[in-house]
Amino acid sequence: MTVTAWDEPVGGTPRGTLVVLPGRGETAASYERFGRRLSADAWRVRLVGVDLDDLDATRERIEKVLADEALPAPTVLVGTDAGATLAALLAPTLPVDGVVVAGLALPRSGGARSWGSWEEEVDARTACPVHRRVIAEDDGFGRGGLDRPLPWGSVRVVAPGKPVLVLHGADDAVTPVADVLAAYDAQPDAVIRLVDGGRHDILNDASHRAVAATIVLFLESLRLGPDLPDVVRAPERNVAVR
């Protein structure tokens, strides 16, 4: 599997690196919009294909990208669906500064139910008409991917000691919100944001602009420090009583 790259505009100063791990069925075409948007904000984006049949080889590819000294820090894993699960599991042991978990998949998310038709699978994935067209026209897209069981019998998301942004659709029919919140009970410092009306492919859903903006704000906070100091904050108001 190749690594797909999106770089900052010519003449721009890169602000850091995102290593994107896609979900079941997805190809680089699914992340063209996301890659161009984040790279336009001067974040270098590298998409690494995830092979659920060979997780060791997948980890080696990720480690090879992370070892590229030409890529600027901070470095952040961004995963979606099975890629989100893998990002959450690998983050504690990889030289990354943070992780974005978007549309976490859990063992019960894979094979728990069958999406009886392509139309049902698309509806579970996204409400964005543009993205629906992209995946429908992508010959490499693995239809039926959401029916594929995950290679992990159980997933316990433990605190990696690194900043974590969790993004999840409030209307995700693949992984219910309650299951995601329970997975992060042991990590009270995780920044969790639910997207109203959001479905499973939350990076490519109808609210993709707001989701991308939330990620950028997280990344810019991370640049200031691992405790994620505010970049934008409300002023302190002292109202005198007369």
C-alpha atoms as a PDB file:
ATOM      1  CA  MET A   1       0.000   0.000   0.000  1.00  0.00           C
ATOM      2  CA  THR A   2       1.267   3.438  -0.886  1.00  0.00           C
ATOM      3  CA  VAL A   3       1.399   6.540   1.280  1.00  0.00           C
ATOM      4  CA  THR A   4      -0.612   9.465  -0.053  1.00  0.00           C
ATOM      5  CA  ALA A   5       0.701  12.971   0.649  1.00  0.00           C
ATOM      6  CA  TRP A   6      -0.767  16.448   0.796  1.00  0.00           C
ATOM      7  CA  ASP A   7       1.693  19.280   1.505  1.00  0.00           C
ATOM      8  CA  GLU A   8       1.391  22.901   2.551  1.00  0.00           C
ATOM      9  CA  PRO A   9       1.106  25.598  -0.152  1.00  0.00           C
ATOM     10  CA  VAL A  10       4.334  26.517  -1.913  1.00  0.00           C
ATOM     11  CA  GLY A  11       6.232  29.001   0.210  1.00  0.00           C
ATOM     12  CA  GLY A  12       4.271  28.164   3.353  1.00  0.00           C
ATOM     13  CA  THR A  13       5.810  27.122   6.654  1.00  0.00           C
ATOM     14  CA  PRO A  14       4.517  23.699   7.776  1.00  0.00           C
ATOM     15  CA  ARG A  15       2.994  23.658  11.238  1.00  0.00           C
ATOM     16  CA  GLY A  16       3.107  19.918  11.885  1.00  0.00           C
ATOM     17  CA  THR A  17       2.218  16.525  10.459  1.00  0.00           C
ATOM     18  CA  LEU A  18      -0.966  14.455  10.407  1.00  0.00           C
ATOM     19  CA  VAL A  19      -0.737  10.720   9.789  1.00  0.00           C
ATOM     20  CA  VAL A  20      -4.190   9.567   8.679  1.00  0.00           C
ATOM     21  CA  LEU A  21      -5.342   5.960   9.111  1.00  0.00           C
ATOM     22  CA  PRO A  22      -8.493   5.292   7.041  1.00  0.00           C
ATOM     23  CA  GLY A  23     -11.354   2.953   7.879  1.00  0.00           C
ATOM     24  CA  ARG A  24     -12.811  -0.197   6.398  1.00  0.00           C
ATOM     25  CA  GLY A  25     -13.350  -0.004   2.657  1.00  0.00           C
ATOM     26  CA  GLU A  26     -11.866   3.456   2.295  1.00  0.00           C
ATOM     27  CA  THR A  27      -9.186   4.596  -0.147  1.00  0.00           C
ATOM     28  CA  ALA A  28      -7.160   7.780  -0.472  1.00  0.00           C
ATOM     29  CA  ALA A  29      -9.954   9.215  -2.630  1.00  0.00           C
ATOM     30  CA  SER A  30     -12.143   9.412   0.476  1.00  0.00           C
ATOM     31  CA  TYR A  31      -9.658  11.855   2.042  1.00  0.00           C
ATOM     32  CA  GLU A  32      -8.792  14.110  -0.876  1.00  0.00           C
ATOM     33  CA  ARG A  33     -11.009  16.876   0.501  1.00  0.00           C
ATOM     34  CA  PHE A  34      -9.743  16.444   4.071  1.00  0.00           C
ATOM     35  CA  GLY A  35      -6.105  16.298   2.960  1.00  0.00           C
ATOM     36  CA  ARG A  36      -6.367  19.411   0.817  1.00  0.00           C
ATOM     37  CA  ARG A  37      -8.201  21.344   3.530  1.00  0.00           C
ATOM     38  CA  LEU A  38      -5.735  20.571   6.343  1.00  0.00           C
ATOM     39  CA  SER A  39      -2.687  21.031   4.106  1.00  0.00           C
ATOM     40  CA  ALA A  40      -4.056  24.424   3.060  1.00  0.00           C
ATOM     41  CA  ASP A  41      -3.712  25.348   6.739  1.00  0.00           C
ATOM     42  CA  ALA A  42      -0.036  24.287   6.459  1.00  0.00           C
ATOM     43  CA  TRP A  43      -0.366  20.896   8.144  1.00  0.00           C
ATOM     44  CA  ARG A  44       1.393  18.169   6.183  1.00  0.00           C
ATOM     45  CA  VAL A  45      -0.896  15.187   5.715  1.00  0.00           C
ATOM     46  CA  ARG A  46       0.200  11.603   5.109  1.00  0.00           C
ATOM     47  CA  LEU A  47      -2.392   8.866   4.596  1.00  0.00           C
ATOM     48  CA  VAL A  48      -1.210   5.336   5.394  1.00  0.00           C
ATOM     49  CA  GLY A  49      -3.344   2.422   4.200  1.00  0.00           C
ATOM     50  CA  VAL A  50      -4.570   0.050   6.912  1.00  0.00           C
ATOM     51  CA  ASP A  51      -4.425  -3.691   6.225  1.00  0.00           C
ATOM     52  CA  LEU A  52      -6.544  -5.408   8.857  1.00  0.00           C
ATOM     53  CA  ASP A  53      -5.126  -8.750   7.726  1.00  0.00           C
ATOM     54  CA  ASP A  54      -1.565  -7.644   8.475  1.00  0.00           C
ATOM     55  CA  LEU A  55      -1.442  -5.193  11.361  1.00  0.00           C
ATOM     56  CA  ASP A  56       2.304  -5.706  11.811  1.00  0.00           C
ATOM     57  CA  ALA A  57       2.975  -4.504   8.258  1.00  0.00           C
ATOM     58  CA  THR A  58       0.605  -1.595   8.817  1.00  0.00           C
ATOM     59  CA  ARG A  59       2.489  -0.572  11.944  1.00  0.00           C
ATOM     60  CA  GLU A  60       5.784  -0.778  10.050  1.00  0.00           C
ATOM     61  CA  ARG A  61       4.442   1.595   7.398  1.00  0.00           C
ATOM     62  CA  ILE A  62       3.280   4.026  10.065  1.00  0.00           C
ATOM     63  CA  GLU A  63       6.643   3.869  11.831  1.00  0.00           C
ATOM     64  CA  LYS A  64       8.451   4.488   8.543  1.00  0.00           C
ATOM     65  CA  VAL A  65       6.407   7.649   7.960  1.00  0.00           C
ATOM     66  CA  LEU A  66       7.020   8.815  11.526  1.00  0.00           C
ATOM     67  CA  ALA A  67      10.760   8.254  11.073  1.00  0.00           C
ATOM     68  CA  ASP A  68      10.899  10.717   8.173  1.00  0.00           C
ATOM     69  CA  GLU A  69      12.950  13.581   9.602  1.00  0.00           C
ATOM     70  CA  ALA A  70      11.649  15.897   6.887  1.00  0.00           C
ATOM     71  CA  LEU A  71       8.204  15.857   8.470  1.00  0.00           C
ATOM     72  CA  PRO A  72       7.715  18.637  11.032  1.00  0.00           C
ATOM     73  CA  ALA A  73       6.481  18.264  14.599  1.00  0.00           C
ATOM     74  CA  PRO A  74       4.072  18.060  16.263  1.00  0.00           C
ATOM     75  CA  THR A  75       3.001  14.756  14.776  1.00  0.00           C
ATOM     76  CA  VAL A  76      -0.576  13.582  15.276  1.00  0.00           C
ATOM     77  CA  LEU A  77      -2.309  10.310  14.395  1.00  0.00           C
ATOM     78  CA  VAL A  78      -5.767  10.807  12.882  1.00  0.00           C
ATOM     79  CA  GLY A  79      -7.851   7.652  12.561  1.00  0.00           C
ATOM     80  CA  THR A  80     -11.377   6.879  11.456  1.00  0.00           C
ATOM     81  CA  ASP A  81     -13.442   3.696  11.912  1.00  0.00           C
ATOM     82  CA  ALA A  82     -10.940   0.792  12.213  1.00  0.00           C
ATOM     83  CA  GLY A  83      -8.167   3.331  11.647  1.00  0.00           C
ATOM     84  CA  ALA A  84      -9.436   5.234  14.701  1.00  0.00           C
ATOM     85  CA  THR A  85      -9.298   2.086  16.799  1.00  0.00           C
ATOM     86  CA  LEU A  86      -5.788   1.357  15.584  1.00  0.00           C
ATOM     87  CA  ALA A  87      -4.708   4.947  16.281  1.00  0.00           C
ATOM     88  CA  ALA A  88      -6.058   4.735  19.830  1.00  0.00           C
ATOM     89  CA  LEU A  89      -4.267   1.440  20.444  1.00  0.00           C
ATOM     90  CA  LEU A  90      -0.934   2.466  18.903  1.00  0.00           C
ATOM     91  CA  ALA A  91      -0.663   6.045  20.167  1.00  0.00           C
ATOM     92  CA  PRO A  92       0.830   5.121  23.578  1.00  0.00           C
ATOM     93  CA  THR A  93       3.731   3.270  21.940  1.00  0.00           C
ATOM     94  CA  LEU A  94       4.475   5.481  18.938  1.00  0.00           C
ATOM     95  CA  PRO A  95       6.489   8.745  18.820  1.00  0.00           C
ATOM     96  CA  VAL A  96       3.437  10.948  18.251  1.00  0.00           C
ATOM     97  CA  ASP A  97       2.388  14.061  20.127  1.00  0.00           C
ATOM     98  CA  GLY A  98      -1.368  13.501  20.017  1.00  0.00           C
ATOM     99  CA  VAL A  99      -4.190  11.523  18.469  1.00  0.00           C
ATOM    100  CA  VAL A 100      -7.544  12.294  16.859  1.00  0.00           C
ATOM    101  CA  VAL A 101     -10.060   9.452  17.110  1.00  0.00           C
ATOM    102  CA  ALA A 102     -12.898  10.050  14.637  1.00  0.00           C
ATOM    103  CA  GLY A 103     -15.725   7.527  14.423  1.00  0.00           C
ATOM    104  CA  LEU A 104     -14.202   4.882  16.690  1.00  0.00           C
ATOM    105  CA  ALA A 105     -15.012   1.288  15.725  1.00  0.00           C
ATOM    106  CA  LEU A 106     -15.352  -1.355  18.416  1.00  0.00           C
ATOM    107  CA  PRO A 107     -15.570  -5.151  18.055  1.00  0.00           C
ATOM    108  CA  ARG A 108     -19.349  -4.945  18.242  1.00  0.00           C
ATOM    109  CA  SER A 109     -19.186  -2.404  15.380  1.00  0.00           C
ATOM    110  CA  GLY A 110     -17.865  -5.041  12.990  1.00  0.00           C
ATOM    111  CA  GLY A 111     -20.215  -7.810  11.943  1.00  0.00           C
ATOM    112  CA  ALA A 112     -22.705  -6.888  14.658  1.00  0.00           C
ATOM    113  CA  ARG A 113     -25.311  -6.267  11.999  1.00  0.00           C
ATOM    114  CA  SER A 114     -25.477  -6.459   8.253  1.00  0.00           C
ATOM    115  CA  TRP A 115     -26.037  -3.436   6.070  1.00  0.00           C
ATOM    116  CA  GLY A 116     -28.350  -5.211   3.674  1.00  0.00           C
ATOM    117  CA  SER A 117     -27.636  -3.000   0.689  1.00  0.00           C
ATOM    118  CA  TRP A 118     -25.125  -0.475  -0.579  1.00  0.00           C
ATOM    119  CA  GLU A 119     -27.691   2.269  -0.002  1.00  0.00           C
ATOM    120  CA  GLU A 120     -28.034   1.282   3.659  1.00  0.00           C
ATOM    121  CA  GLU A 121     -24.265   1.257   4.103  1.00  0.00           C
ATOM    122  CA  VAL A 122     -23.926   4.696   2.529  1.00  0.00           C
ATOM    123  CA  ASP A 123     -26.683   6.038   4.779  1.00  0.00           C
ATOM    124  CA  ALA A 124     -24.841   4.688   7.825  1.00  0.00           C
ATOM    125  CA  ARG A 125     -21.622   6.287   6.646  1.00  0.00           C
ATOM    126  CA  THR A 126     -22.545   9.829   5.640  1.00  0.00           C
ATOM    127  CA  ALA A 127     -25.252  12.337   4.811  1.00  0.00           C
ATOM    128  CA  CYS A 128     -22.892  14.524   2.765  1.00  0.00           C
ATOM    129  CA  PRO A 129     -24.006  14.414  -0.900  1.00  0.00           C
ATOM    130  CA  VAL A 130     -20.508  15.162  -2.174  1.00  0.00           C
ATOM    131  CA  HIS A 131     -18.914  12.361  -0.185  1.00  0.00           C
ATOM    132  CA  ARG A 132     -21.690   9.960  -1.122  1.00  0.00           C
ATOM    133  CA  ARG A 133     -20.848  10.645  -4.759  1.00  0.00           C
ATOM    134  CA  VAL A 134     -17.105  10.277  -4.140  1.00  0.00           C
ATOM    135  CA  ILE A 135     -17.376   6.808  -2.618  1.00  0.00           C
ATOM    136  CA  ALA A 136     -19.982   5.679  -5.146  1.00  0.00           C
ATOM    137  CA  GLU A 137     -17.666   6.610  -8.024  1.00  0.00           C
ATOM    138  CA  ASP A 138     -14.511   5.181  -6.397  1.00  0.00           C
ATOM    139  CA  ASP A 139     -13.798   1.848  -8.098  1.00  0.00           C
ATOM    140  CA  GLY A 140     -11.362   0.950  -5.333  1.00  0.00           C
ATOM    141  CA  PHE A 141     -13.813   1.518  -2.487  1.00  0.00           C
ATOM    142  CA  GLY A 142     -14.550  -1.698  -0.601  1.00  0.00           C
ATOM    143  CA  ARG A 143     -18.319  -1.925  -0.534  1.00  0.00           C
ATOM    144  CA  GLY A 144     -19.602  -3.893   2.424  1.00  0.00           C
ATOM    145  CA  GLY A 145     -16.614  -2.811   4.492  1.00  0.00           C
ATOM    146  CA  LEU A 146     -18.722  -1.976   7.530  1.00  0.00           C
ATOM    147  CA  ASP A 147     -19.776  -5.630   7.704  1.00  0.00           C
ATOM    148  CA  ARG A 148     -16.196  -6.746   8.138  1.00  0.00           C
ATOM    149  CA  PRO A 149     -15.359  -7.852  11.702  1.00  0.00           C
ATOM    150  CA  LEU A 150     -12.471  -6.123  13.413  1.00  0.00           C
ATOM    151  CA  PRO A 151      -9.316  -8.141  14.133  1.00  0.00           C
ATOM    152  CA  TRP A 152      -9.485  -7.331  17.849  1.00  0.00           C
ATOM    153  CA  GLY A 153     -11.570  -9.535  20.114  1.00  0.00           C
ATOM    154  CA  SER A 154     -11.833  -6.699  22.600  1.00  0.00           C
ATOM    155  CA  VAL A 155     -10.653  -3.110  22.739  1.00  0.00           C
ATOM    156  CA  ARG A 156      -9.793  -1.323  25.955  1.00  0.00           C
ATOM    157  CA  VAL A 157      -8.858   2.251  25.231  1.00  0.00           C
ATOM    158  CA  VAL A 158      -6.301   3.172  27.891  1.00  0.00           C
ATOM    159  CA  ALA A 159      -4.865   6.571  28.665  1.00  0.00           C
ATOM    160  CA  PRO A 160      -1.881   7.041  26.329  1.00  0.00           C
ATOM    161  CA  GLY A 161      -0.505   9.979  28.307  1.00  0.00           C
ATOM    162  CA  LYS A 162      -0.910  12.098  25.204  1.00  0.00           C
ATOM    163  CA  PRO A 163      -3.569  14.632  24.174  1.00  0.00           C
ATOM    164  CA  VAL A 164      -6.597  12.973  22.598  1.00  0.00           C
ATOM    165  CA  LEU A 165      -9.451  14.484  20.594  1.00  0.00           C
ATOM    166  CA  VAL A 166     -12.449  12.177  20.202  1.00  0.00           C
ATOM    167  CA  LEU A 167     -14.945  13.097  17.478  1.00  0.00           C
ATOM    168  CA  HIS A 168     -18.123  11.086  17.038  1.00  0.00           C
ATOM    169  CA  GLY A 169     -21.449  11.452  15.304  1.00  0.00           C
ATOM    170  CA  ALA A 170     -24.417  11.718  17.634  1.00  0.00           C
ATOM    171  CA  ASP A 171     -26.442   9.646  15.143  1.00  0.00           C
ATOM    172  CA  ASP A 172     -23.744   7.039  14.465  1.00  0.00           C
ATOM    173  CA  ALA A 173     -25.570   3.743  13.831  1.00  0.00           C
ATOM    174  CA  VAL A 174     -22.329   1.747  13.544  1.00  0.00           C
ATOM    175  CA  THR A 175     -20.810   2.584  16.932  1.00  0.00           C
ATOM    176  CA  PRO A 176     -23.347   3.999  19.397  1.00  0.00           C
ATOM    177  CA  VAL A 177     -22.268   7.110  21.279  1.00  0.00           C
ATOM    178  CA  ALA A 178     -22.729   5.398  24.652  1.00  0.00           C
ATOM    179  CA  ASP A 179     -20.140   2.771  23.714  1.00  0.00           C
ATOM    180  CA  VAL A 180     -17.620   5.446  22.725  1.00  0.00           C
ATOM    181  CA  LEU A 181     -18.123   7.394  25.939  1.00  0.00           C
ATOM    182  CA  ALA A 182     -17.692   4.193  27.954  1.00  0.00           C
ATOM    183  CA  ALA A 183     -14.450   3.433  26.098  1.00  0.00           C
ATOM    184  CA  TYR A 184     -13.002   6.716  27.327  1.00  0.00           C
ATOM    185  CA  ASP A 185     -14.190   6.519  30.931  1.00  0.00           C
ATOM    186  CA  ALA A 186     -10.604   5.781  31.969  1.00  0.00           C
ATOM    187  CA  GLN A 187      -9.298   8.891  30.235  1.00  0.00           C
ATOM    188  CA  PRO A 188     -11.029  11.932  31.750  1.00  0.00           C
ATOM    189  CA  ASP A 189      -8.605  14.327  30.043  1.00  0.00           C
ATOM    190  CA  ALA A 190      -9.694  13.293  26.543  1.00  0.00           C
ATOM    191  CA  VAL A 191     -11.390  16.093  24.634  1.00  0.00           C
ATOM    192  CA  ILE A 192     -14.684  14.586  23.448  1.00  0.00           C
ATOM    193  CA  ARG A 193     -16.881  16.340  20.912  1.00  0.00           C
ATOM    194  CA  LEU A 194     -20.165  14.955  19.577  1.00  0.00           C
ATOM    195  CA  VAL A 195     -21.434  16.165  16.211  1.00  0.00           C
ATOM    196  CA  ASP A 196     -25.180  16.759  16.110  1.00  0.00           C
ATOM    197  CA  GLY A 197     -26.742  14.636  13.389  1.00  0.00           C
ATOM    198  CA  GLY A 198     -23.357  13.128  12.600  1.00  0.00           C
ATOM    199  CA  ARG A 199     -23.020   9.637  11.131  1.00  0.00           C
ATOM    200  CA  HIS A 200     -20.098   7.184  11.182  1.00  0.00           C
ATOM    201  CA  ASP A 201     -17.696   8.693   8.611  1.00  0.00           C
ATOM    202  CA  ILE A 202     -17.525  11.842  10.678  1.00  0.00           C
ATOM    203  CA  LEU A 203     -14.530  13.362   8.860  1.00  0.00           C
ATOM    204  CA  ASN A 204     -16.546  13.206   5.640  1.00  0.00           C
ATOM    205  CA  ASP A 205     -20.063  13.832   6.861  1.00  0.00           C
ATOM    206  CA  ALA A 206     -22.355  16.817   6.325  1.00  0.00           C
ATOM    207  CA  SER A 207     -20.590  18.780   9.099  1.00  0.00           C
ATOM    208  CA  HIS A 208     -17.106  18.166   7.671  1.00  0.00           C
ATOM    209  CA  ARG A 209     -16.244  21.879   7.775  1.00  0.00           C
ATOM    210  CA  ALA A 210     -17.028  22.210  11.495  1.00  0.00           C
ATOM    211  CA  VAL A 211     -15.248  18.922  12.209  1.00  0.00           C
ATOM    212  CA  ALA A 212     -12.138  20.079  10.333  1.00  0.00           C
ATOM    213  CA  ALA A 213     -12.235  23.393  12.206  1.00  0.00           C
ATOM    214  CA  THR A 214     -12.433  21.508  15.516  1.00  0.00           C
ATOM    215  CA  ILE A 215      -9.395  19.459  14.524  1.00  0.00           C
ATOM    216  CA  VAL A 216      -7.432  22.563  13.520  1.00  0.00           C
ATOM    217  CA  LEU A 217      -8.217  24.217  16.856  1.00  0.00           C
ATOM    218  CA  PHE A 218      -7.021  21.072  18.662  1.00  0.00           C
ATOM    219  CA  LEU A 219      -3.825  21.030  16.572  1.00  0.00           C
ATOM    220  CA  GLU A 220      -3.083  24.703  17.183  1.00  0.00           C
ATOM    221  CA  SER A 221      -3.634  24.197  20.927  1.00  0.00           C
ATOM    222  CA  LEU A 222      -1.284  21.220  20.821  1.00  0.00           C
ATOM    223  CA  ARG A 223       1.404  23.415  19.272  1.00  0.00           C
ATOM    224  CA  LEU A 224       1.233  25.588  22.389  1.00  0.00           C
ATOM    225  CA  GLY A 225       1.653  22.651  24.775  1.00  0.00           C
ATOM    226  CA  PRO A 226       0.470  19.139  25.657  1.00  0.00           C
ATOM    227  CA  ASP A 227      -1.961  20.571  28.203  1.00  0.00           C
ATOM    228  CA  LEU A 228      -3.827  22.163  25.256  1.00  0.00           C
ATOM    229  CA  PRO A 229      -3.926  25.810  26.360  1.00  0.00           C
ATOM    230  CA  ASP A 230      -6.712  27.889  24.848  1.00  0.00           C
ATOM    231  CA  VAL A 231      -6.032  29.579  21.542  1.00  0.00           C
ATOM    232  CA  VAL A 232      -9.387  31.365  21.512  1.00  0.00           C
ATOM    233  CA  ARG A 233     -11.030  32.196  24.815  1.00  0.00           C
ATOM    234  CA  ALA A 234     -13.721  34.402  26.252  1.00  0.00           C
ATOM    235  CA  PRO A 235     -12.532  37.535  28.064  1.00  0.00           C
ATOM    236  CA  GLU A 236     -12.775  37.831  31.814  1.00  0.00           C
ATOM    237  CA  ARG A 237     -15.521  40.273  32.645  1.00  0.00           C
ATOM    238  CA  ASN A 238     -15.631  42.291  35.806  1.00  0.00           C
ATOM    239  CA  VAL A 239     -19.018  43.916  36.065  1.00  0.00           C
ATOM    240  CA  ALA A 240     -19.151  46.683  38.621  1.00  0.00           C
ATOM    241  CA  VAL A 241     -22.346  46.786  40.673  1.00  0.00           C
ATOM    242  CA  ARG A 242     -23.647  50.286  41.361  1.00  0.00           C
END
